[in-house]
Amino acid sequence: MSKNIIVVGGGAAGMLAAYFAAEAGNKVALLEKNEKLGKKIYITGKGRCNLTNACDVEELFLNVKSNSKFLYSAFYGFDNSRVIDFFESHGMPVKVERGNRVFPVSDKSSDVIFALQRALKEKKVEVSLHTEVSKLCYEKITEKKADEEAADKKTELKITGVILKDGTTMAADAVIVATGGLSYPSTGSTGDGYKMAEDAGHTVTECTPSLVPFNVKEEWVKSLQGLSLKNTAISIYSGKKKLYEDFGEMLFTHFGVSGPMILSASASIKQSLIKQPLDMYIDLKPALTQEALDKRILREFEEAKNKQFKNSINKLLPAKMIPVIIELSGIDPDKKVNEISKEERNRLLMLFKKLPVTLNGPRGYNEAIITKGGIKVKEINPSTMESKLVNGLYFAGEVLDLDAYTGGFNLQIAWSTGYLAGTSAAV
């Protein structure tokens, strides 16, 4: 018998949930409060949309920061290869880039949306835009009904539908909440799903911005705005305790630092420490030991022995960085290279290997890729994404207490949980 299913939220998880719920022949309504679907997808990956990661499935779990074991059924039910197959079968070819990151061949996130819209149309999903849900509706299950419908569950509630902001009630046999978290609130992620879940008796864990850039104390950072450093290493300390280290890419901004290494650091460092000032050291030449780098600097100095210091290190650094390193070294920029002392050279060497930066706390939700925290997963059935408290209520995507590192892993969580919620609600 065909079911009447409502999906709340037209983002990545919601669209996939709606597609798979409808695939089984059910009547599916997808409700989105924005003027278009997938608003957050449009801006992911700098508008290119890193839709998944082509690593082994086991590696997917290693890149999930919170509650990875909860995702066992979801990841194995709809893994990264199935995500790629889904998009390619809906007219969107993909390519794999460095770090196994998967993008549309076109480099346009809009093509991800178009593929999903084609899929929804194909399954006759009824999409309603500018449609905001204000609350969920449930009824108590009578004792007789409880025996039939919830034999092995402690639940006493059953979903009956939703009430829209304009007061309209929509009836449903199942409701899937996929409203996202709190990150990028301009895309509509304003925590609506948390309130719906709490009203239904669910616990929402503490939420904080994650995969987010950091503010920096030092003023010289502003002069490096827009400079991207590749093949560098960072280490972050609280006092003498090392909190994080990484190798890869970072970016200087008008307020501080960003880029893949920095975003991953924000997901790794404990919330109790992340807001206090932390010491970060940048190794600009991680492939070289201090001894090898000293020899390299001496070679450069030998070639430029009659030049001024300011004109001697252009082979060692990006042009934008030279004035900053010169100033921090305390060496007179006009000094002849052959007059530089060993002590001065050592100071320069230490800047290359341990350029100090003070992190003054992460930026807010406006710049966070994801939300850390959400609906407590112990209250959700990991095999179905159904609430353990309300029959017929499902959750998918960022609204749950699940978050991962950068590289396509967070969208994989959205696709996998969306698939599992959609297929489970359809039964």
Protein backbone atom coordinates (compact mmCIF):
# COMPACT_ATOMS: atom_id res chain seq x y z
CA MET A 1 0.00 0.00 0.00
CA SER A 2 1.32 3.44 -0.99
CA LYS A 3 2.37 5.71 1.88
CA ASN A 4 2.14 9.46 2.25
CA ILE A 5 5.65 10.75 3.15
CA ILE A 6 6.78 14.30 3.95
CA VAL A 7 10.43 15.35 3.79
CA VAL A 8 11.26 18.59 5.63
CA GLY A 9 14.28 20.36 4.12
CA GLY A 10 15.44 20.37 0.50
CA GLY A 11 19.19 20.10 1.00
CA ALA A 12 21.49 17.18 0.15
CA ALA A 13 20.04 14.70 2.66
CA GLY A 14 16.42 15.79 2.10
CA MET A 15 16.53 15.55 -1.68
CA LEU A 16 18.08 12.07 -1.62
CA ALA A 17 15.62 10.93 1.08
CA ALA A 18 12.70 12.19 -1.04
CA TYR A 19 14.00 10.42 -4.16
CA PHE A 20 14.39 7.02 -2.47
CA ALA A 21 11.12 7.32 -0.54
CA ALA A 22 9.34 7.95 -3.87
CA GLU A 23 11.22 5.21 -5.71
CA ALA A 24 9.14 2.61 -3.87
CA GLY A 25 5.96 4.16 -5.34
CA ASN A 26 5.01 6.37 -2.38
CA LYS A 27 3.48 9.85 -2.56
CA VAL A 28 6.28 12.16 -1.41
CA ALA A 29 6.13 15.88 -0.62
CA LEU A 30 9.43 17.75 -0.23
CA LEU A 31 9.00 20.98 1.77
CA GLU A 32 11.69 23.69 1.51
CA LYS A 33 11.45 27.10 3.17
CA ASN A 34 13.89 28.77 0.74
CA GLU A 35 13.15 29.97 -2.79
CA LYS A 36 15.18 27.09 -4.27
CA LEU A 37 16.47 23.64 -3.40
CA GLY A 38 20.04 22.87 -2.32
CA LYS A 39 21.02 26.39 -1.37
CA LYS A 40 23.99 25.22 0.69
CA ILE A 41 25.16 22.82 -2.05
CA TYR A 42 25.55 25.86 -4.36
CA ILE A 43 28.30 27.32 -2.17
CA THR A 44 30.17 24.16 -1.15
CA GLY A 45 33.68 23.57 -2.46
CA LYS A 46 33.90 27.26 -3.48
CA GLY A 47 30.98 26.72 -5.84
CA ARG A 48 32.41 23.48 -7.28
CA CYS A 49 30.81 21.02 -4.80
CA ASN A 50 33.11 18.31 -3.48
CA LEU A 51 30.28 15.76 -3.46
CA THR A 52 32.10 12.78 -1.92
CA ASN A 53 35.53 11.17 -1.50
CA ALA A 54 36.64 8.22 -3.65
CA CYS A 55 38.55 6.50 -0.82
CA ASP A 56 37.93 2.97 0.50
CA VAL A 57 34.74 2.66 2.56
CA GLU A 58 36.83 1.95 5.69
CA GLU A 59 38.51 5.32 5.20
CA LEU A 60 35.13 7.06 5.21
CA PHE A 61 34.71 5.98 8.83
CA LEU A 62 38.21 7.24 9.76
CA ASN A 63 37.31 10.69 8.46
CA VAL A 64 34.14 10.99 10.55
CA LYS A 65 34.88 12.95 13.72
CA SER A 66 31.73 12.26 15.74
CA ASN A 67 29.83 8.96 16.11
CA SER A 68 31.36 7.10 13.14
CA LYS A 69 30.04 3.68 14.30
CA PHE A 70 26.48 4.99 14.03
CA LEU A 71 27.01 5.30 10.26
CA TYR A 72 27.78 1.62 9.61
CA SER A 73 24.43 0.77 7.95
CA ALA A 74 24.23 4.14 6.20
CA PHE A 75 27.72 4.01 4.65
CA TYR A 76 27.51 0.37 3.62
CA GLY A 77 23.95 0.86 2.33
CA PHE A 78 24.86 3.81 0.12
CA ASP A 79 28.62 4.22 -0.14
CA ASN A 80 30.74 6.65 -2.18
CA SER A 81 30.67 4.47 -5.32
CA ARG A 82 26.86 4.47 -5.23
CA VAL A 83 26.88 8.27 -4.85
CA ILE A 84 29.04 8.53 -7.98
CA ASP A 85 26.80 6.06 -9.86
CA PHE A 86 23.68 8.00 -8.81
CA PHE A 87 24.96 11.30 -10.21
CA GLU A 88 26.45 9.83 -13.37
CA SER A 89 23.18 7.98 -14.10
CA HIS A 90 21.37 11.32 -13.76
CA GLY A 91 23.49 13.06 -16.36
CA MET A 92 26.31 14.48 -14.23
CA PRO A 93 29.78 13.00 -14.92
CA VAL A 94 32.35 13.34 -12.15
CA LYS A 95 36.15 13.55 -11.81
CA VAL A 96 38.52 12.64 -8.97
CA GLU A 97 41.11 15.20 -7.83
CA ARG A 98 43.93 15.32 -5.28
CA GLY A 99 43.05 13.66 -1.96
CA ASN A 100 40.39 11.52 -3.74
CA ARG A 101 38.01 14.48 -3.75
CA VAL A 102 35.14 14.02 -6.22
CA PHE A 103 33.77 16.99 -8.21
CA PRO A 104 31.42 17.45 -11.17
CA VAL A 105 33.44 17.44 -14.43
CA SER A 106 31.91 20.87 -15.12
CA ASP A 107 33.25 22.29 -11.80
CA LYS A 108 29.74 23.69 -11.22
CA SER A 109 27.85 22.91 -8.02
CA SER A 110 24.65 23.92 -9.85
CA ASP A 111 24.99 20.72 -11.93
CA VAL A 112 24.69 18.69 -8.70
CA ILE A 113 21.40 20.47 -7.99
CA PHE A 114 20.15 19.99 -11.57
CA ALA A 115 20.90 16.24 -11.39
CA LEU A 116 18.97 15.97 -8.11
CA GLN A 117 16.05 18.00 -9.51
CA ARG A 118 15.89 15.71 -12.55
CA ALA A 119 15.86 12.69 -10.23
CA LEU A 120 13.03 14.15 -8.11
CA LYS A 121 10.98 14.97 -11.21
CA GLU A 122 11.51 11.46 -12.55
CA LYS A 123 10.02 10.02 -9.31
CA LYS A 124 7.18 12.59 -9.29
CA VAL A 125 8.20 14.11 -5.93
CA GLU A 126 6.00 17.10 -5.17
CA VAL A 127 8.36 19.98 -4.34
CA SER A 128 6.96 22.96 -2.39
CA LEU A 129 9.26 25.99 -2.07
CA HIS A 130 8.70 28.92 0.34
CA THR A 131 7.08 26.32 2.61
CA GLU A 132 8.18 26.40 6.23
CA VAL A 133 7.24 23.76 8.79
CA SER A 134 6.61 25.13 12.27
CA LYS A 135 5.95 21.86 14.14
CA LEU A 136 5.47 18.12 13.87
CA CYS A 137 2.19 16.40 14.71
CA TYR A 138 1.91 13.09 16.58
CA GLU A 139 -0.65 11.00 18.33
CA LYS A 140 -0.39 8.59 21.23
CA ILE A 141 -0.56 4.97 20.20
CA THR A 142 -3.30 3.06 22.01
CA GLU A 143 -2.20 -0.08 23.83
CA LYS A 144 -3.63 -2.39 21.18
CA LYS A 145 -1.99 -0.38 18.39
CA ALA A 146 1.24 -0.27 20.32
CA ASP A 147 1.37 -4.09 20.36
CA GLU A 148 0.90 -4.27 16.60
CA GLU A 149 3.04 -1.34 15.48
CA ALA A 150 5.77 -1.13 18.05
CA ALA A 151 6.35 -4.64 19.33
CA ASP A 152 10.00 -4.14 20.20
CA LYS A 153 9.92 -0.39 20.84
CA LYS A 154 9.25 1.63 23.96
CA THR A 155 7.65 4.41 21.91
CA GLU A 156 4.14 5.64 22.66
CA LEU A 157 3.97 8.29 19.93
CA LYS A 158 3.29 8.05 16.23
CA ILE A 159 3.87 10.78 13.64
CA THR A 160 0.71 12.04 11.90
CA GLY A 161 2.04 14.95 9.85
CA VAL A 162 3.26 18.55 10.07
CA ILE A 163 1.88 22.03 10.67
CA LEU A 164 3.16 24.75 8.33
CA LYS A 165 4.00 28.29 9.39
CA ASP A 166 0.77 29.53 7.76
CA GLY A 167 -1.24 27.14 9.97
CA THR A 168 -1.94 24.49 7.33
CA THR A 169 -1.84 20.89 8.55
CA MET A 170 -0.43 18.23 6.21
CA ALA A 171 -1.08 14.59 7.05
CA ALA A 172 1.62 11.94 6.63
CA ASP A 173 2.38 8.31 7.42
CA ALA A 174 6.08 9.20 7.82
CA VAL A 175 8.07 12.42 8.18
CA ILE A 176 11.80 12.78 7.43
CA VAL A 177 13.46 15.81 9.02
CA ALA A 178 16.54 16.94 7.06
CA THR A 179 16.75 20.62 7.96
CA GLY A 180 20.55 20.88 8.38
CA GLY A 181 22.47 22.41 11.27
CA LEU A 182 23.39 26.01 12.08
CA SER A 183 26.27 26.60 9.65
CA TYR A 184 25.83 29.18 6.85
CA PRO A 185 22.49 30.44 8.30
CA SER A 186 21.98 32.55 5.13
CA THR A 187 21.20 29.25 3.35
CA GLY A 188 18.31 28.58 5.74
CA SER A 189 20.18 26.46 8.31
CA THR A 190 18.73 28.08 11.40
CA GLY A 191 18.31 25.08 13.70
CA ASP A 192 14.62 24.43 12.93
CA GLY A 193 15.09 20.66 13.10
CA TYR A 194 16.61 20.84 16.58
CA LYS A 195 13.46 22.47 17.92
CA MET A 196 11.25 19.89 16.17
CA ALA A 197 13.35 17.07 17.64
CA GLU A 198 13.30 18.55 21.17
CA ASP A 199 9.52 18.99 21.00
CA ALA A 200 9.34 15.26 20.17
CA GLY A 201 11.39 14.47 23.29
CA HIS A 202 14.82 14.16 21.66
CA THR A 203 18.07 15.43 23.17
CA VAL A 204 20.14 17.92 21.17
CA THR A 205 23.83 17.97 22.12
CA GLU A 206 25.81 21.20 22.40
CA CYS A 207 26.25 22.71 18.94
CA THR A 208 29.33 24.64 17.80
CA PRO A 209 30.71 25.79 14.42
CA SER A 210 33.14 23.29 12.85
CA LEU A 211 35.38 23.22 9.78
CA VAL A 212 35.78 26.92 10.40
CA PRO A 213 38.64 29.45 9.93
CA PHE A 214 40.49 31.05 12.85
CA ASN A 215 41.07 34.65 13.87
CA VAL A 216 44.73 35.59 14.36
CA LYS A 217 46.24 38.12 16.78
CA GLU A 218 49.22 39.25 14.66
CA GLU A 219 48.58 42.27 12.43
CA TRP A 220 51.10 41.19 9.74
CA VAL A 221 48.76 38.36 8.71
CA LYS A 222 46.45 40.92 7.03
CA SER A 223 49.20 41.87 4.58
CA LEU A 224 49.23 38.24 3.38
CA GLN A 225 45.48 38.17 2.61
CA GLY A 226 44.77 35.82 -0.31
CA LEU A 227 48.13 34.02 -0.11
CA SER A 228 47.77 30.24 -0.29
CA LEU A 229 50.59 28.05 0.99
CA LYS A 230 50.91 24.48 -0.31
CA ASN A 231 53.11 21.68 1.06
CA THR A 232 53.49 23.35 4.45
CA ALA A 233 53.08 21.91 7.93
CA ILE A 234 51.38 23.31 11.03
CA SER A 235 51.48 22.40 14.71
CA ILE A 236 49.10 23.89 17.28
CA TYR A 237 49.81 24.06 21.01
CA SER A 238 48.06 25.03 24.22
CA GLY A 239 51.07 25.91 26.38
CA LYS A 240 53.43 22.96 25.92
CA LYS A 241 50.70 20.49 24.94
CA LYS A 242 50.50 19.71 21.23
CA LEU A 243 46.84 19.67 20.15
CA TYR A 244 47.12 19.18 16.41
CA GLU A 245 49.57 18.80 13.55
CA ASP A 246 49.06 18.46 9.82
CA PHE A 247 50.70 18.77 6.41
CA GLY A 248 49.04 20.35 3.38
CA GLU A 249 47.45 23.60 2.33
CA MET A 250 46.47 26.78 4.17
CA LEU A 251 45.30 30.27 3.30
CA PHE A 252 45.83 33.70 4.85
CA THR A 253 42.75 35.93 5.05
CA HIS A 254 41.91 39.49 6.16
CA PHE A 255 41.11 38.17 9.67
CA GLY A 256 43.46 35.22 10.08
CA VAL A 257 43.93 31.76 8.59
CA SER A 258 41.80 29.27 6.67
CA GLY A 259 42.26 26.44 4.15
CA PRO A 260 42.02 22.63 4.50
CA MET A 261 44.59 22.18 7.33
CA ILE A 262 43.07 24.98 9.41
CA LEU A 263 39.49 23.77 8.90
CA SER A 264 40.46 20.24 9.94
CA ALA A 265 42.20 21.65 13.03
CA SER A 266 38.93 23.34 14.07
CA ALA A 267 37.18 19.94 13.93
CA SER A 268 39.93 18.21 15.94
CA ILE A 269 40.64 20.56 18.83
CA LYS A 270 38.46 20.08 21.92
CA GLN A 271 35.71 22.67 22.39
CA SER A 272 36.99 23.41 25.90
CA LEU A 273 40.30 24.64 24.42
CA ILE A 274 39.38 26.03 21.02
CA LYS A 275 38.21 29.47 22.19
CA GLN A 276 41.33 30.31 24.20
CA PRO A 277 44.48 31.74 22.54
CA LEU A 278 46.54 28.93 21.00
CA ASP A 279 50.07 28.95 19.58
CA MET A 280 50.42 27.80 15.98
CA TYR A 281 53.76 27.26 14.26
CA ILE A 282 54.01 27.11 10.47
CA ASP A 283 56.82 25.11 8.90
CA LEU A 284 57.31 26.71 5.49
CA LYS A 285 59.84 24.06 4.42
CA PRO A 286 58.72 20.76 6.02
CA ALA A 287 60.63 18.65 3.45
CA LEU A 288 63.95 20.01 4.74
CA THR A 289 65.58 19.44 8.13
CA GLN A 290 66.93 22.54 9.89
CA GLU A 291 70.44 21.53 8.85
CA ALA A 292 69.47 21.01 5.20
CA LEU A 293 67.56 24.30 5.15
CA ASP A 294 70.52 26.15 6.66
CA LYS A 295 72.72 24.80 3.85
CA ARG A 296 70.11 25.93 1.31
CA ILE A 297 70.01 29.46 2.82
CA LEU A 298 73.83 29.58 2.78
CA ARG A 299 73.79 28.63 -0.92
CA GLU A 300 71.32 31.42 -1.68
CA PHE A 301 73.40 33.85 0.36
CA GLU A 302 76.58 32.80 -1.48
CA GLU A 303 74.93 33.48 -4.85
CA ALA A 304 73.68 36.87 -3.63
CA LYS A 305 76.59 37.85 -1.35
CA ASN A 306 76.85 41.37 -2.74
CA LYS A 307 73.10 41.98 -2.83
CA GLN A 308 70.98 43.58 -0.12
CA PHE A 309 69.20 41.11 2.21
CA LYS A 310 65.75 42.11 0.88
CA ASN A 311 66.76 40.90 -2.60
CA SER A 312 68.35 37.60 -1.53
CA ILE A 313 65.47 35.30 -0.48
CA ASN A 314 63.10 35.54 -3.44
CA LYS A 315 63.82 31.89 -4.41
CA LEU A 316 62.86 30.70 -0.94
CA LEU A 317 59.51 32.44 -0.40
CA PRO A 318 56.42 33.70 -2.23
CA ALA A 319 56.90 37.42 -3.09
CA LYS A 320 54.04 38.51 -0.78
CA MET A 321 55.72 36.87 2.20
CA ILE A 322 59.22 38.38 1.80
CA PRO A 323 58.51 41.78 3.50
CA VAL A 324 56.84 40.00 6.46
CA ILE A 325 59.71 37.55 7.04
CA ILE A 326 62.28 40.37 6.68
CA GLU A 327 60.46 42.45 9.30
CA LEU A 328 60.05 39.52 11.71
CA SER A 329 63.72 38.55 11.33
CA GLY A 330 64.87 41.93 12.63
CA ILE A 331 67.59 41.99 9.95
CA ASP A 332 68.08 45.35 8.23
CA PRO A 333 66.56 44.86 4.72
CA ASP A 334 69.34 46.99 3.17
CA LYS A 335 72.13 45.05 4.85
CA LYS A 336 74.57 43.34 2.47
CA VAL A 337 74.15 39.55 2.55
CA ASN A 338 77.84 38.95 3.26
CA GLU A 339 77.49 41.02 6.46
CA ILE A 340 74.69 38.90 7.95
CA SER A 341 75.84 37.14 11.11
CA LYS A 342 75.26 33.47 11.99
CA GLU A 343 72.89 34.56 14.77
CA GLU A 344 70.82 36.58 12.29
CA ARG A 345 70.80 33.66 9.86
CA ASN A 346 69.56 31.36 12.66
CA ARG A 347 66.71 33.77 13.40
CA LEU A 348 65.73 33.61 9.74
CA LEU A 349 65.99 29.81 9.77
CA MET A 350 63.63 29.58 12.77
CA LEU A 351 61.04 31.72 10.97
CA PHE A 352 61.10 29.30 8.05
CA LYS A 353 60.71 26.28 10.33
CA LYS A 354 58.55 27.71 13.15
CA LEU A 355 56.75 30.86 12.02
CA PRO A 356 54.70 31.75 15.15
CA VAL A 357 51.03 32.74 14.89
CA THR A 358 48.54 33.24 17.76
CA LEU A 359 45.10 31.77 17.08
CA ASN A 360 42.42 33.87 18.75
CA GLY A 361 39.46 31.52 18.49
CA PRO A 362 37.37 30.22 15.57
CA ARG A 363 35.01 32.28 13.40
CA GLY A 364 31.23 31.85 13.73
CA TYR A 365 28.49 29.85 12.00
CA ASN A 366 28.44 32.31 9.06
CA GLU A 367 31.78 30.85 7.94
CA ALA A 368 31.49 27.30 9.30
CA ILE A 369 31.13 24.52 6.74
CA ILE A 370 29.31 22.31 9.23
CA THR A 371 27.81 22.15 12.71
CA LYS A 372 29.41 20.00 15.40
CA GLY A 373 26.67 18.53 17.60
CA GLY A 374 23.00 17.86 16.91
CA ILE A 375 20.31 15.28 17.68
CA LYS A 376 21.73 12.59 19.97
CA VAL A 377 22.31 9.51 17.81
CA LYS A 378 21.62 7.07 20.70
CA GLU A 379 17.96 8.07 20.30
CA ILE A 380 17.96 7.15 16.58
CA ASN A 381 17.92 3.64 15.09
CA PRO A 382 21.17 3.43 13.06
CA SER A 383 19.71 0.74 10.75
CA THR A 384 16.78 2.93 9.64
CA MET A 385 17.35 6.53 10.83
CA GLU A 386 14.00 6.30 12.61
CA SER A 387 13.42 7.97 15.95
CA LYS A 388 13.33 5.55 18.89
CA LEU A 389 10.80 7.88 20.54
CA VAL A 390 8.28 8.55 17.74
CA ASN A 391 7.10 5.94 15.22
CA GLY A 392 7.37 7.13 11.62
CA LEU A 393 9.72 10.05 12.39
CA TYR A 394 13.11 9.92 10.66
CA PHE A 395 16.15 12.19 10.66
CA ALA A 396 18.93 12.60 8.08
CA GLY A 397 21.99 14.76 7.45
CA GLU A 398 23.57 17.53 9.49
CA VAL A 399 20.65 17.80 11.92
CA LEU A 400 22.12 14.66 13.57
CA ASP A 401 25.19 14.73 15.83
CA LEU A 402 27.53 13.69 13.01
CA ASP A 403 30.44 15.62 11.55
CA ALA A 404 33.53 14.80 9.51
CA TYR A 405 36.71 16.32 8.14
CA THR A 406 36.89 18.30 4.91
CA GLY A 407 37.22 16.38 1.63
CA GLY A 408 33.66 15.37 0.67
CA PHE A 409 32.99 13.34 3.82
CA ASN A 410 30.20 15.54 5.23
CA LEU A 411 28.21 15.35 2.00
CA GLN A 412 28.73 11.57 2.02
CA ILE A 413 27.07 11.53 5.47
CA ALA A 414 24.16 13.52 4.00
CA TRP A 415 23.71 11.21 0.98
CA SER A 416 24.04 7.99 3.04
CA THR A 417 21.69 9.00 5.87
CA GLY A 418 19.24 10.51 3.36
CA TYR A 419 19.20 7.25 1.42
CA LEU A 420 18.69 5.17 4.56
CA ALA A 421 15.90 7.42 5.93
CA GLY A 422 14.15 7.47 2.53
CA THR A 423 14.28 3.72 1.93
CA SER A 424 13.30 2.94 5.56
CA ALA A 425 10.36 5.39 5.57
CA ALA A 426 9.16 3.88 2.28
CA VAL A 427 8.65 0.38 3.73
